[in-house]
Amino acid sequence: MKPLGVMKNLYSTTVVFLVCFLFSNSQLLAQGDPTDCITITDCPADITVCADIFDPIIGANVVWNLPDASQTCSGGPGGDSFQMMFELNEQQLGVDCWDSHYISRVGSENVKLFSGSAPEGEDSYIITPFMYLQTGDDVSIDVTYMDGDYDLYVTWIDDSGTPGGAATSVSIDNLGLGTHTVSVDPLLPSDGIYKIKYLFRYIGSKPSNMNTFDNISIEGVLIDATCTGGIDFTFLSTHNPGDFFPVGTTTVTYTATYTATDGSYYDEICEFDVTVLDITLNITEVVQPDCHTLGYILQ
């Protein structure tokens, strides 16, 4: 397996006292989007919470609902916040961001399946970079079926490298000739950080490499800024729901970026502040080291 960092011939390639939430206005800032082709909705309001953790500094884990990003810059109707259309130079892809096997890319339109040198019976697959994903959201991919008997299996890999259990499968040959958008639920166990793996497995004779895929589309927030290169539309954040925030104010920034084939790009920004308020401890009695009494932080 080779990283898809250069995608030319890809084939082998604790203690709680009090939590208080106060909301005020957040900011949605337009930057570099003169045609207004990027839309961010549900940008969270500013959040204020009381500190409830000492680990090893005082702060709090803070959650919020994800904003949504979509783009019409490419001429489409909008769509998900992560869109890989395979239109940009593959040499721009971040090193170690993608994994793939037994596929190849020729030109800028799609990716060939079952292409390259591999033993008979080998699977074709592609694995995305890490993203923050939410349960219940479908992931999709366009598949062009031409011949053979093969299925698509979609599963996840978590941030510790552990693969998911049973994959969601779709019989591609049953869809018939032509291009089909296949959308499935990857069955995430919880909201969190995952890669999505699209695996194609054939039965019997190997299908031709006229079978292709294109347009990976996922409602996700990219984790690593070094992985944005070569991806048509990305949504990147400085923080994720559930992150630890120290006492004070921290600005959370979401940036949606569309990159055109000529190298120009458009972006839109959603920003909000997370403020963690300090607390005063009044210890009035002696407690055992393992006591988790309201009002105490015990090391």
C-alpha atoms as a PDB file:
ATOM      1  CA  MET A   1       0.000   0.000   0.000  1.00  0.00           C
ATOM      2  CA  LYS A   2       1.407   3.377  -0.955  1.00  0.00           C
ATOM      3  CA  PRO A   3       0.285   6.740   0.359  1.00  0.00           C
ATOM      4  CA  LEU A   4      -1.713   8.761  -2.065  1.00  0.00           C
ATOM      5  CA  GLY A   5       0.400  11.802  -1.259  1.00  0.00           C
ATOM      6  CA  VAL A   6       1.511  11.900  -4.895  1.00  0.00           C
ATOM      7  CA  MET A   7      -1.312  10.298  -6.764  1.00  0.00           C
ATOM      8  CA  LYS A   8       0.383   9.561 -10.065  1.00  0.00           C
ATOM      9  CA  ASN A   9      -0.397   5.898 -10.728  1.00  0.00           C
ATOM     10  CA  LEU A  10      -2.189   5.296  -7.481  1.00  0.00           C
ATOM     11  CA  TYR A  11      -2.522   1.565  -7.672  1.00  0.00           C
ATOM     12  CA  SER A  12      -0.494   0.324  -4.754  1.00  0.00           C
ATOM     13  CA  THR A  13      -0.253   3.464  -4.287  1.00  0.00           C
ATOM     14  CA  THR A  14     -12.723  15.585  36.877  1.00  0.00           C
ATOM     15  CA  VAL A  15     -14.626  16.509  38.653  1.00  0.00           C
ATOM     16  CA  VAL A  16     -17.735  18.476  37.896  1.00  0.00           C
ATOM     17  CA  PHE A  17     -18.920  21.510  39.860  1.00  0.00           C
ATOM     18  CA  LEU A  18     -21.106  23.509  37.525  1.00  0.00           C
ATOM     19  CA  VAL A  19     -21.599  24.022  33.827  1.00  0.00           C
ATOM     20  CA  CYS A  20     -23.226  27.207  32.626  1.00  0.00           C
ATOM     21  CA  PHE A  21     -23.849  28.088  28.991  1.00  0.00           C
ATOM     22  CA  LEU A  22     -24.281  31.666  27.859  1.00  0.00           C
ATOM     23  CA  PHE A  23     -24.693  32.528  24.200  1.00  0.00           C
ATOM     24  CA  SER A  24     -23.996  35.708  22.279  1.00  0.00           C
ATOM     25  CA  ASN A  25     -23.481  36.596  18.650  1.00  0.00           C
ATOM     26  CA  SER A  26     -20.844  34.749  16.642  1.00  0.00           C
ATOM     27  CA  GLN A  27     -19.245  36.046  13.489  1.00  0.00           C
ATOM     28  CA  LEU A  28     -19.516  34.820   9.919  1.00  0.00           C
ATOM     29  CA  LEU A  29     -16.790  36.474   7.925  1.00  0.00           C
ATOM     30  CA  ALA A  30     -16.554  36.491   4.148  1.00  0.00           C
ATOM     31  CA  GLN A  31     -12.965  36.262   2.968  1.00  0.00           C
ATOM     32  CA  GLY A  32     -11.985  35.701  -0.621  1.00  0.00           C
ATOM     33  CA  ASP A  33     -15.468  34.756  -1.818  1.00  0.00           C
ATOM     34  CA  PRO A  34     -16.531  37.640  -4.099  1.00  0.00           C
ATOM     35  CA  THR A  35     -19.075  35.515  -5.946  1.00  0.00           C
ATOM     36  CA  ASP A  36     -20.699  34.213  -2.744  1.00  0.00           C
ATOM     37  CA  CYS A  37     -20.431  30.650  -3.995  1.00  0.00           C
ATOM     38  CA  ILE A  38     -19.633  29.249  -0.521  1.00  0.00           C
ATOM     39  CA  THR A  39     -22.276  29.068   2.174  1.00  0.00           C
ATOM     40  CA  ILE A  40     -21.778  28.324   5.873  1.00  0.00           C
ATOM     41  CA  THR A  41     -24.921  27.815   7.916  1.00  0.00           C
ATOM     42  CA  ASP A  42     -25.528  27.175  11.621  1.00  0.00           C
ATOM     43  CA  CYS A  43     -22.321  28.872  12.711  1.00  0.00           C
ATOM     44  CA  PRO A  44     -22.402  28.430  16.523  1.00  0.00           C
ATOM     45  CA  ALA A  45     -22.964  31.363  18.836  1.00  0.00           C
ATOM     46  CA  ASP A  46     -20.268  32.306  21.335  1.00  0.00           C
ATOM     47  CA  ILE A  47     -20.145  29.882  24.243  1.00  0.00           C
ATOM     48  CA  THR A  48     -19.345  30.561  27.913  1.00  0.00           C
ATOM     49  CA  VAL A  49     -18.915  27.712  30.383  1.00  0.00           C
ATOM     50  CA  CYS A  50     -17.659  27.322  33.932  1.00  0.00           C
ATOM     51  CA  ALA A  51     -14.431  25.386  34.395  1.00  0.00           C
ATOM     52  CA  ASP A  52     -14.996  21.852  35.618  1.00  0.00           C
ATOM     53  CA  ILE A  53     -11.725  20.011  35.025  1.00  0.00           C
ATOM     54  CA  PHE A  54      -8.195  20.153  36.433  1.00  0.00           C
ATOM     55  CA  ASP A  55      -6.176  18.021  34.037  1.00  0.00           C
ATOM     56  CA  PRO A  56      -3.512  19.299  34.772  1.00  0.00           C
ATOM     57  CA  ILE A  57      -4.742  22.882  34.290  1.00  0.00           C
ATOM     58  CA  ILE A  58      -8.194  24.272  35.002  1.00  0.00           C
ATOM     59  CA  GLY A  59     -10.551  24.272  32.045  1.00  0.00           C
ATOM     60  CA  ALA A  60     -13.485  22.453  30.478  1.00  0.00           C
ATOM     61  CA  ASN A  61     -14.361  20.126  27.635  1.00  0.00           C
ATOM     62  CA  VAL A  62     -16.787  22.032  25.419  1.00  0.00           C
ATOM     63  CA  VAL A  63     -19.199  20.679  22.848  1.00  0.00           C
ATOM     64  CA  TRP A  64     -21.228  22.381  20.113  1.00  0.00           C
ATOM     65  CA  ASN A  65     -23.170  21.479  16.997  1.00  0.00           C
ATOM     66  CA  LEU A  66     -21.160  21.485  13.789  1.00  0.00           C
ATOM     67  CA  PRO A  67     -21.803  24.225  11.240  1.00  0.00           C
ATOM     68  CA  ASP A  68     -22.545  23.175   7.668  1.00  0.00           C
ATOM     69  CA  ALA A  69     -20.615  24.262   4.575  1.00  0.00           C
ATOM     70  CA  SER A  70     -21.494  23.895   0.905  1.00  0.00           C
ATOM     71  CA  GLN A  71     -20.331  25.342  -2.405  1.00  0.00           C
ATOM     72  CA  THR A  72     -21.754  26.169  -5.810  1.00  0.00           C
ATOM     73  CA  CYS A  73     -18.410  27.430  -7.170  1.00  0.00           C
ATOM     74  CA  SER A  74     -18.034  24.322  -9.345  1.00  0.00           C
ATOM     75  CA  GLY A  75     -21.488  24.803 -10.862  1.00  0.00           C
ATOM     76  CA  GLY A  76     -23.266  22.168  -8.807  1.00  0.00           C
ATOM     77  CA  PRO A  77     -26.203  22.574  -6.435  1.00  0.00           C
ATOM     78  CA  GLY A  78     -24.146  22.649  -3.244  1.00  0.00           C
ATOM     79  CA  GLY A  79     -23.551  19.447  -1.338  1.00  0.00           C
ATOM     80  CA  ASP A  80     -21.352  18.264   1.486  1.00  0.00           C
ATOM     81  CA  SER A  81     -18.490  20.040   3.240  1.00  0.00           C
ATOM     82  CA  PHE A  82     -15.834  17.646   1.882  1.00  0.00           C
ATOM     83  CA  GLN A  83     -15.816  17.144  -1.874  1.00  0.00           C
ATOM     84  CA  MET A  84     -13.064  15.334  -3.735  1.00  0.00           C
ATOM     85  CA  MET A  85     -13.755  15.637  -7.463  1.00  0.00           C
ATOM     86  CA  PHE A  86     -10.320  14.528  -8.710  1.00  0.00           C
ATOM     87  CA  GLU A  87     -10.015  17.645 -10.856  1.00  0.00           C
ATOM     88  CA  LEU A  88      -6.848  19.099  -9.320  1.00  0.00           C
ATOM     89  CA  ASN A  89      -3.235  18.106  -9.824  1.00  0.00           C
ATOM     90  CA  GLU A  90      -2.611  14.928  -7.856  1.00  0.00           C
ATOM     91  CA  GLN A  91       0.872  16.146  -6.934  1.00  0.00           C
ATOM     92  CA  GLN A  92      -0.764  18.708  -4.635  1.00  0.00           C
ATOM     93  CA  LEU A  93      -2.124  16.007  -2.345  1.00  0.00           C
ATOM     94  CA  GLY A  94      -0.705  15.996   1.163  1.00  0.00           C
ATOM     95  CA  VAL A  95       1.815  13.306   2.009  1.00  0.00           C
ATOM     96  CA  ASP A  96       0.354  10.480   4.125  1.00  0.00           C
ATOM     97  CA  CYS A  97      -3.157  11.922   3.836  1.00  0.00           C
ATOM     98  CA  TRP A  98      -4.628   9.324   1.477  1.00  0.00           C
ATOM     99  CA  ASP A  99      -4.144   5.579   1.047  1.00  0.00           C
ATOM    100  CA  SER A 100      -5.074   3.565  -2.008  1.00  0.00           C
ATOM    101  CA  HIS A 101      -4.529   0.235  -3.737  1.00  0.00           C
ATOM    102  CA  TYR A 102      -5.061  -1.173  -7.211  1.00  0.00           C
ATOM    103  CA  ILE A 103      -6.399   2.042  -8.730  1.00  0.00           C
ATOM    104  CA  SER A 104      -4.919   4.601 -11.114  1.00  0.00           C
ATOM    105  CA  ARG A 105      -5.722   8.105 -12.166  1.00  0.00           C
ATOM    106  CA  VAL A 106      -5.340   9.247 -15.738  1.00  0.00           C
ATOM    107  CA  GLY A 107      -6.215  12.841 -16.514  1.00  0.00           C
ATOM    108  CA  SER A 108      -8.577  14.814 -14.322  1.00  0.00           C
ATOM    109  CA  GLU A 109     -11.970  13.187 -14.668  1.00  0.00           C
ATOM    110  CA  ASN A 110     -12.081   9.997 -12.600  1.00  0.00           C
ATOM    111  CA  VAL A 111     -10.118   7.111 -11.118  1.00  0.00           C
ATOM    112  CA  LYS A 112      -9.849   3.679 -12.710  1.00  0.00           C
ATOM    113  CA  LEU A 113     -10.672   0.581 -10.665  1.00  0.00           C
ATOM    114  CA  PHE A 114      -8.854  -2.748 -10.906  1.00  0.00           C
ATOM    115  CA  SER A 115      -6.008  -0.967 -12.644  1.00  0.00           C
ATOM    116  CA  GLY A 116      -2.314  -1.762 -12.374  1.00  0.00           C
ATOM    117  CA  SER A 117      -0.216  -4.706 -11.343  1.00  0.00           C
ATOM    118  CA  ALA A 118      -1.810  -6.751  -8.569  1.00  0.00           C
ATOM    119  CA  PRO A 119      -2.425 -10.461  -7.987  1.00  0.00           C
ATOM    120  CA  GLU A 120      -5.718 -11.909  -9.152  1.00  0.00           C
ATOM    121  CA  GLY A 121      -8.451 -11.301  -6.607  1.00  0.00           C
ATOM    122  CA  GLU A 122      -6.974  -8.105  -5.171  1.00  0.00           C
ATOM    123  CA  ASP A 123      -9.374  -5.416  -3.962  1.00  0.00           C
ATOM    124  CA  SER A 124      -9.332  -1.817  -5.119  1.00  0.00           C
ATOM    125  CA  TYR A 125      -9.720   0.767  -2.384  1.00  0.00           C
ATOM    126  CA  ILE A 126      -9.207   4.376  -1.430  1.00  0.00           C
ATOM    127  CA  ILE A 127      -9.044   5.783   2.128  1.00  0.00           C
ATOM    128  CA  THR A 128      -9.708   9.450   2.883  1.00  0.00           C
ATOM    129  CA  PRO A 129      -7.829  11.713   5.306  1.00  0.00           C
ATOM    130  CA  PHE A 130      -9.086  12.012   8.903  1.00  0.00           C
ATOM    131  CA  MET A 131     -12.255  14.037   9.380  1.00  0.00           C
ATOM    132  CA  TYR A 132     -14.562  14.874  12.277  1.00  0.00           C
ATOM    133  CA  LEU A 133     -17.767  13.025  11.381  1.00  0.00           C
ATOM    134  CA  GLN A 134     -21.191  12.671  12.969  1.00  0.00           C
ATOM    135  CA  THR A 135     -23.292   9.540  13.259  1.00  0.00           C
ATOM    136  CA  GLY A 136     -26.199   9.219  10.873  1.00  0.00           C
ATOM    137  CA  ASP A 137     -24.609  11.200   8.019  1.00  0.00           C
ATOM    138  CA  ASP A 138     -24.271   9.350   4.725  1.00  0.00           C
ATOM    139  CA  VAL A 139     -21.070   9.330   2.713  1.00  0.00           C
ATOM    140  CA  SER A 140     -21.194   9.091  -1.074  1.00  0.00           C
ATOM    141  CA  ILE A 141     -19.141   8.258  -4.137  1.00  0.00           C
ATOM    142  CA  ASP A 142     -19.924   8.209  -7.865  1.00  0.00           C
ATOM    143  CA  VAL A 143     -19.272   4.841  -9.505  1.00  0.00           C
ATOM    144  CA  THR A 144     -19.380   4.179 -13.251  1.00  0.00           C
ATOM    145  CA  TYR A 145     -20.221   0.522 -13.927  1.00  0.00           C
ATOM    146  CA  MET A 146     -19.164  -1.026 -17.226  1.00  0.00           C
ATOM    147  CA  ASP A 147     -18.691  -4.770 -16.670  1.00  0.00           C
ATOM    148  CA  GLY A 148     -17.959  -7.530 -14.161  1.00  0.00           C
ATOM    149  CA  ASP A 149     -19.427  -8.568 -10.847  1.00  0.00           C
ATOM    150  CA  TYR A 150     -18.262  -6.434  -7.942  1.00  0.00           C
ATOM    151  CA  ASP A 151     -19.458  -4.827  -4.730  1.00  0.00           C
ATOM    152  CA  LEU A 152     -18.626  -1.649  -2.836  1.00  0.00           C
ATOM    153  CA  TYR A 153     -17.891  -1.890   0.902  1.00  0.00           C
ATOM    154  CA  VAL A 154     -17.818   1.291   2.976  1.00  0.00           C
ATOM    155  CA  THR A 155     -16.372   1.352   6.472  1.00  0.00           C
ATOM    156  CA  TRP A 156     -14.426   3.591   8.880  1.00  0.00           C
ATOM    157  CA  ILE A 157     -11.039   3.718  10.586  1.00  0.00           C
ATOM    158  CA  ASP A 158     -10.816   5.586  13.896  1.00  0.00           C
ATOM    159  CA  ASP A 159      -8.053   7.943  15.042  1.00  0.00           C
ATOM    160  CA  SER A 160      -6.181   5.091  16.742  1.00  0.00           C
ATOM    161  CA  GLY A 161      -6.051   3.156  13.456  1.00  0.00           C
ATOM    162  CA  THR A 162      -8.710   0.628  14.465  1.00  0.00           C
ATOM    163  CA  PRO A 163     -10.931  -0.395  11.530  1.00  0.00           C
ATOM    164  CA  GLY A 164     -14.692  -0.584  11.836  1.00  0.00           C
ATOM    165  CA  GLY A 165     -16.612  -3.816  12.108  1.00  0.00           C
ATOM    166  CA  ALA A 166     -19.204  -4.825   9.537  1.00  0.00           C
ATOM    167  CA  ALA A 167     -19.064  -2.660   6.424  1.00  0.00           C
ATOM    168  CA  THR A 168     -22.049  -1.305   4.517  1.00  0.00           C
ATOM    169  CA  SER A 169     -22.112  -3.030   1.120  1.00  0.00           C
ATOM    170  CA  VAL A 170     -23.713  -2.239  -2.240  1.00  0.00           C
ATOM    171  CA  SER A 171     -23.784  -4.499  -5.316  1.00  0.00           C
ATOM    172  CA  ILE A 172     -22.513  -2.239  -8.106  1.00  0.00           C
ATOM    173  CA  ASP A 173     -23.331  -4.577 -10.980  1.00  0.00           C
ATOM    174  CA  ASN A 174     -26.966  -4.685  -9.839  1.00  0.00           C
ATOM    175  CA  LEU A 175     -27.143  -0.936 -10.479  1.00  0.00           C
ATOM    176  CA  GLY A 176     -26.604  -1.483 -14.201  1.00  0.00           C
ATOM    177  CA  LEU A 177     -24.530   0.308 -16.821  1.00  0.00           C
ATOM    178  CA  GLY A 178     -23.702   3.951 -16.287  1.00  0.00           C
ATOM    179  CA  THR A 179     -22.747   6.317 -13.506  1.00  0.00           C
ATOM    180  CA  HIS A 180     -24.433   6.048 -10.132  1.00  0.00           C
ATOM    181  CA  THR A 181     -24.134   8.116  -6.963  1.00  0.00           C
ATOM    182  CA  VAL A 182     -23.905   5.612  -4.117  1.00  0.00           C
ATOM    183  CA  SER A 183     -24.752   7.025  -0.678  1.00  0.00           C
ATOM    184  CA  VAL A 184     -24.505   4.857   2.429  1.00  0.00           C
ATOM    185  CA  ASP A 185     -24.323   5.157   6.202  1.00  0.00           C
ATOM    186  CA  PRO A 186     -20.822   4.110   7.352  1.00  0.00           C
ATOM    187  CA  LEU A 187     -22.299   3.120  10.732  1.00  0.00           C
ATOM    188  CA  LEU A 188     -20.007   5.193  12.929  1.00  0.00           C
ATOM    189  CA  PRO A 189     -20.144   4.139  16.584  1.00  0.00           C
ATOM    190  CA  SER A 190     -20.144   7.779  17.780  1.00  0.00           C
ATOM    191  CA  ASP A 191     -19.311  11.298  16.648  1.00  0.00           C
ATOM    192  CA  GLY A 192     -15.559  11.681  16.345  1.00  0.00           C
ATOM    193  CA  ILE A 193     -12.470  11.494  14.145  1.00  0.00           C
ATOM    194  CA  TYR A 194     -12.427   8.905  11.376  1.00  0.00           C
ATOM    195  CA  LYS A 195     -11.180   8.021   7.916  1.00  0.00           C
ATOM    196  CA  ILE A 196     -13.651   6.566   5.415  1.00  0.00           C
ATOM    197  CA  LYS A 197     -12.607   3.546   3.355  1.00  0.00           C
ATOM    198  CA  TYR A 198     -14.249   2.720   0.027  1.00  0.00           C
ATOM    199  CA  LEU A 199     -13.339  -0.831  -1.027  1.00  0.00           C
ATOM    200  CA  PHE A 200     -14.299  -2.535  -4.303  1.00  0.00           C
ATOM    201  CA  ARG A 201     -14.226  -6.369  -4.367  1.00  0.00           C
ATOM    202  CA  TYR A 202     -14.965  -8.432  -7.446  1.00  0.00           C
ATOM    203  CA  ILE A 203     -16.203 -11.995  -7.806  1.00  0.00           C
ATOM    204  CA  GLY A 204     -14.959 -14.268 -10.581  1.00  0.00           C
ATOM    205  CA  SER A 205     -13.131 -12.670 -13.478  1.00  0.00           C
ATOM    206  CA  LYS A 206     -11.506  -9.309 -12.952  1.00  0.00           C
ATOM    207  CA  PRO A 207     -13.595  -6.428 -14.304  1.00  0.00           C
ATOM    208  CA  SER A 208     -11.954  -4.061 -16.768  1.00  0.00           C
ATOM    209  CA  ASN A 209     -10.445  -0.758 -15.741  1.00  0.00           C
ATOM    210  CA  MET A 210     -13.223   0.959 -17.636  1.00  0.00           C
ATOM    211  CA  ASN A 211     -14.997   0.778 -14.288  1.00  0.00           C
ATOM    212  CA  THR A 212     -14.252   4.039 -12.480  1.00  0.00           C
ATOM    213  CA  PHE A 213     -15.156   6.170  -9.488  1.00  0.00           C
ATOM    214  CA  ASP A 214     -15.302   9.929  -8.889  1.00  0.00           C
ATOM    215  CA  ASN A 215     -16.724  12.619  -6.592  1.00  0.00           C
ATOM    216  CA  ILE A 216     -16.224  11.480  -3.018  1.00  0.00           C
ATOM    217  CA  SER A 217     -18.611  13.593  -0.933  1.00  0.00           C
ATOM    218  CA  ILE A 218     -18.766  13.584   2.880  1.00  0.00           C
ATOM    219  CA  GLU A 219     -20.331  15.851   5.506  1.00  0.00           C
ATOM    220  CA  GLY A 220     -17.123  16.168   7.505  1.00  0.00           C
ATOM    221  CA  VAL A 221     -14.567  18.589   8.887  1.00  0.00           C
ATOM    222  CA  LEU A 222     -10.992  17.917   7.833  1.00  0.00           C
ATOM    223  CA  ILE A 223      -8.633  17.455  10.778  1.00  0.00           C
ATOM    224  CA  ASP A 224      -5.189  18.125   9.343  1.00  0.00           C
ATOM    225  CA  ALA A 225      -4.506  21.414   7.515  1.00  0.00           C
ATOM    226  CA  THR A 226      -1.639  19.764   5.614  1.00  0.00           C
ATOM    227  CA  CYS A 227      -4.190  17.507   3.911  1.00  0.00           C
ATOM    228  CA  THR A 228      -6.192  20.230   2.132  1.00  0.00           C
ATOM    229  CA  GLY A 229      -3.987  20.206  -0.983  1.00  0.00           C
ATOM    230  CA  GLY A 230      -5.501  18.674  -4.112  1.00  0.00           C
ATOM    231  CA  ILE A 231      -9.029  18.514  -2.656  1.00  0.00           C
ATOM    232  CA  ASP A 232     -11.665  20.587  -4.436  1.00  0.00           C
ATOM    233  CA  PHE A 233     -13.686  21.626  -1.369  1.00  0.00           C
ATOM    234  CA  THR A 234     -12.653  21.363   2.269  1.00  0.00           C
ATOM    235  CA  PHE A 235     -13.959  22.468   5.659  1.00  0.00           C
ATOM    236  CA  LEU A 236     -11.201  22.866   8.247  1.00  0.00           C
ATOM    237  CA  SER A 237     -11.412  23.782  11.934  1.00  0.00           C
ATOM    238  CA  THR A 238      -8.985  24.843  14.619  1.00  0.00           C
ATOM    239  CA  HIS A 239     -10.919  22.794  17.213  1.00  0.00           C
ATOM    240  CA  ASN A 240     -13.471  19.999  17.404  1.00  0.00           C
ATOM    241  CA  PRO A 241     -16.528  19.482  19.632  1.00  0.00           C
ATOM    242  CA  GLY A 242     -15.449  17.955  22.931  1.00  0.00           C
ATOM    243  CA  ASP A 243     -11.984  19.519  22.923  1.00  0.00           C
ATOM    244  CA  PHE A 244     -10.451  20.809  26.154  1.00  0.00           C
ATOM    245  CA  PHE A 245     -10.321  24.592  26.572  1.00  0.00           C
ATOM    246  CA  PRO A 246      -8.318  26.316  29.333  1.00  0.00           C
ATOM    247  CA  VAL A 247      -9.602  29.222  31.408  1.00  0.00           C
ATOM    248  CA  GLY A 248      -9.908  32.309  29.209  1.00  0.00           C
ATOM    249  CA  THR A 249     -11.266  32.981  25.733  1.00  0.00           C
ATOM    250  CA  THR A 250     -10.322  30.923  22.685  1.00  0.00           C
ATOM    251  CA  THR A 251     -11.521  31.654  19.160  1.00  0.00           C
ATOM    252  CA  VAL A 252     -12.712  28.653  17.152  1.00  0.00           C
ATOM    253  CA  THR A 253     -12.409  29.106  13.398  1.00  0.00           C
ATOM    254  CA  TYR A 254     -13.973  27.034  10.629  1.00  0.00           C
ATOM    255  CA  THR A 255     -12.682  27.723   7.113  1.00  0.00           C
ATOM    256  CA  ALA A 256     -14.431  26.437   3.978  1.00  0.00           C
ATOM    257  CA  THR A 257     -12.235  26.572   0.867  1.00  0.00           C
ATOM    258  CA  TYR A 258     -12.985  25.803  -2.779  1.00  0.00           C
ATOM    259  CA  THR A 259     -10.021  25.449  -5.131  1.00  0.00           C
ATOM    260  CA  ALA A 260     -10.633  25.817  -8.876  1.00  0.00           C
ATOM    261  CA  THR A 261      -8.741  23.966 -11.584  1.00  0.00           C
ATOM    262  CA  ASP A 262      -6.858  27.146 -12.507  1.00  0.00           C
ATOM    263  CA  GLY A 263      -5.441  27.377  -8.978  1.00  0.00           C
ATOM    264  CA  SER A 264      -7.671  30.211  -7.797  1.00  0.00           C
ATOM    265  CA  TYR A 265      -9.593  29.672  -4.594  1.00  0.00           C
ATOM    266  CA  TYR A 266     -12.484  31.040  -2.605  1.00  0.00           C
ATOM    267  CA  ASP A 267     -13.023  30.778   1.118  1.00  0.00           C
ATOM    268  CA  GLU A 268     -15.531  31.614   3.805  1.00  0.00           C
ATOM    269  CA  ILE A 269     -14.958  31.715   7.552  1.00  0.00           C
ATOM    270  CA  CYS A 270     -17.150  30.981  10.567  1.00  0.00           C
ATOM    271  CA  GLU A 271     -15.783  32.123  13.930  1.00  0.00           C
ATOM    272  CA  PHE A 272     -17.043  31.990  17.504  1.00  0.00           C
ATOM    273  CA  ASP A 273     -15.483  32.382  20.945  1.00  0.00           C
ATOM    274  CA  VAL A 274     -15.330  29.783  23.686  1.00  0.00           C
ATOM    275  CA  THR A 275     -14.880  31.370  27.118  1.00  0.00           C
ATOM    276  CA  VAL A 276     -14.090  29.228  30.143  1.00  0.00           C
ATOM    277  CA  LEU A 277     -14.680  31.023  33.446  1.00  0.00           C
ATOM    278  CA  ASP A 278     -12.357  30.441  36.399  1.00  0.00           C
ATOM    279  CA  ILE A 279     -13.785  29.195  39.694  1.00  0.00           C
ATOM    280  CA  THR A 280     -13.024  29.767  43.363  1.00  0.00           C
ATOM    281  CA  LEU A 281     -12.590  26.712  45.566  1.00  0.00           C
ATOM    282  CA  ASN A 282     -13.701  26.904  49.188  1.00  0.00           C
ATOM    283  CA  ILE A 283     -12.324  23.866  50.961  1.00  0.00           C
ATOM    284  CA  THR A 284     -13.892  23.757  54.419  1.00  0.00           C
ATOM    285  CA  GLU A 285     -13.272  20.194  55.452  1.00  0.00           C
ATOM    286  CA  VAL A 286     -10.670  17.462  55.168  1.00  0.00           C
ATOM    287  CA  VAL A 287     -11.511  14.903  52.521  1.00  0.00           C
ATOM    288  CA  GLN A 288      -9.903  11.689  51.401  1.00  0.00           C
ATOM    289  CA  PRO A 289      -7.755  11.802  48.239  1.00  0.00           C
ATOM    290  CA  ASP A 290     -10.343   9.881  46.242  1.00  0.00           C
ATOM    291  CA  CYS A 291     -13.273  12.086  47.268  1.00  0.00           C
ATOM    292  CA  HIS A 292     -15.080  13.791  44.389  1.00  0.00           C
ATOM    293  CA  THR A 293     -17.189  16.260  46.335  1.00  0.00           C
ATOM    294  CA  LEU A 294     -18.931  19.141  44.597  1.00  0.00           C
ATOM    295  CA  GLY A 295     -16.662  22.158  44.856  1.00  0.00           C
ATOM    296  CA  TYR A 296     -13.382  20.297  45.019  1.00  0.00           C
ATOM    297  CA  ILE A 297     -10.720  19.615  42.423  1.00  0.00           C
ATOM    298  CA  LEU A 298      -8.497  16.796  43.665  1.00  0.00           C
ATOM    299  CA  GLN A 299      -5.185  15.981  42.018  1.00  0.00           C
END
